Amino acid sequence: MSMFDHVYQGQLKLLVATPVPNTQLRGNYIFFADEAFPMKPYLLWSYPGRDISGDVSKKVFNYCLSRARRTIDNSFGESGDKSFE
């Protein structure tokens, strides 16, 4: 069974809320996705452009989500390049 199967079926313990260090908060692990994936509680999608006109908080959320996705893409891209040296 693949990691995707475990995540999709809710069997991956990674998805359990865990304490955030040095705080009283608990945080869930999430995955970034786009509309190609079905909406699940552990996936974050950006707001579609037509739904955010005039809503600054949704624009900020989309910006932060986009930055996070680019950071992840860049880190995998750089680590992938180094493995072929």
Protein backbone atom coordinates (compact mmCIF):
# COMPACT_ATOMS: atom_id res chain seq x y z
CA MET A 1 0.00 0.00 0.00
CA SER A 2 1.40 3.41 -0.96
CA MET A 3 1.72 6.50 1.24
CA PHE A 4 -1.10 8.09 -0.78
CA ASP A 5 -3.37 5.14 0.07
CA HIS A 6 -2.57 5.49 3.78
CA VAL A 7 -3.22 9.24 3.70
CA TYR A 8 -6.41 8.88 1.66
CA GLN A 9 -7.80 6.27 4.05
CA GLY A 10 -6.81 8.26 7.15
CA GLN A 11 -4.38 5.59 8.38
CA LEU A 12 -1.25 7.76 8.50
CA LYS A 13 -0.48 8.85 12.07
CA LEU A 14 1.20 11.96 10.64
CA LEU A 15 -2.25 13.53 10.32
CA VAL A 16 -2.98 13.50 14.06
CA ALA A 17 -2.93 16.92 15.72
CA THR A 18 0.29 17.42 17.66
CA PRO A 19 1.44 20.07 20.13
CA VAL A 20 3.30 23.05 18.67
CA PRO A 21 6.60 23.35 20.61
CA ASN A 22 6.71 26.03 23.33
CA THR A 23 2.99 26.86 23.01
CA GLN A 24 -0.38 25.63 24.20
CA LEU A 25 -1.49 25.17 20.56
CA ARG A 26 -2.07 21.96 18.67
CA GLY A 27 -1.50 21.83 14.94
CA ASN A 28 -2.51 19.45 12.19
CA TYR A 29 -0.23 18.33 9.41
CA ILE A 30 -1.51 19.33 6.00
CA PHE A 31 -0.69 18.80 2.35
CA PHE A 32 -0.82 21.47 -0.33
CA ALA A 33 -2.88 20.53 -3.37
CA ASP A 34 -4.77 21.96 -6.29
CA GLU A 35 -8.14 21.24 -7.86
CA ALA A 36 -6.84 17.97 -9.38
CA PHE A 37 -7.23 16.35 -5.93
CA PRO A 38 -10.55 15.80 -4.15
CA MET A 39 -11.12 18.08 -1.17
CA LYS A 40 -10.11 16.40 2.08
CA PRO A 41 -9.64 17.77 5.63
CA TYR A 42 -5.84 17.43 5.32
CA LEU A 43 -5.54 19.31 1.98
CA LEU A 44 -5.19 23.06 1.48
CA TRP A 45 -6.43 24.57 -1.77
CA SER A 46 -6.18 28.16 -2.85
CA TYR A 47 -9.34 30.20 -3.36
CA PRO A 48 -10.34 30.44 -7.04
CA GLY A 49 -9.68 33.90 -8.48
CA ARG A 50 -13.32 34.66 -9.16
CA ASP A 51 -14.22 34.14 -5.48
CA ILE A 52 -11.72 36.55 -3.90
CA SER A 53 -12.39 39.90 -5.52
CA GLY A 54 -12.39 42.47 -2.72
CA ASP A 55 -11.57 39.94 0.02
CA VAL A 56 -8.10 40.83 1.28
CA SER A 57 -7.88 37.89 3.71
CA LYS A 58 -8.44 35.38 0.87
CA LYS A 59 -5.85 37.14 -1.29
CA VAL A 60 -3.33 36.99 1.56
CA PHE A 61 -4.12 33.31 2.14
CA ASN A 62 -3.58 32.55 -1.56
CA TYR A 63 -0.31 34.46 -1.53
CA CYS A 64 0.99 32.59 1.55
CA LEU A 65 -0.12 29.24 0.13
CA SER A 66 1.58 30.04 -3.17
CA ARG A 67 4.82 30.97 -1.37
CA ALA A 68 4.72 27.74 0.64
CA ARG A 69 4.18 25.65 -2.49
CA ARG A 70 7.03 27.42 -4.32
CA THR A 71 9.35 26.88 -1.35
CA ILE A 72 8.52 23.18 -1.30
CA ASP A 73 8.93 22.87 -5.08
CA ASN A 74 12.28 24.66 -4.92
CA SER A 75 13.58 22.51 -2.08
CA PHE A 76 12.74 19.30 -3.92
CA GLY A 77 14.17 20.68 -7.12
CA GLU A 78 17.46 21.61 -5.47
CA SER A 79 17.78 18.32 -3.59
CA GLY A 80 16.95 16.43 -6.79
CA ASP A 81 19.71 18.26 -8.69
CA LYS A 82 22.30 17.45 -6.03
CA SER A 83 21.52 13.74 -6.11
CA PHE A 84 22.62 13.54 -9.76
CA GLU A 85 26.07 15.13 -9.24
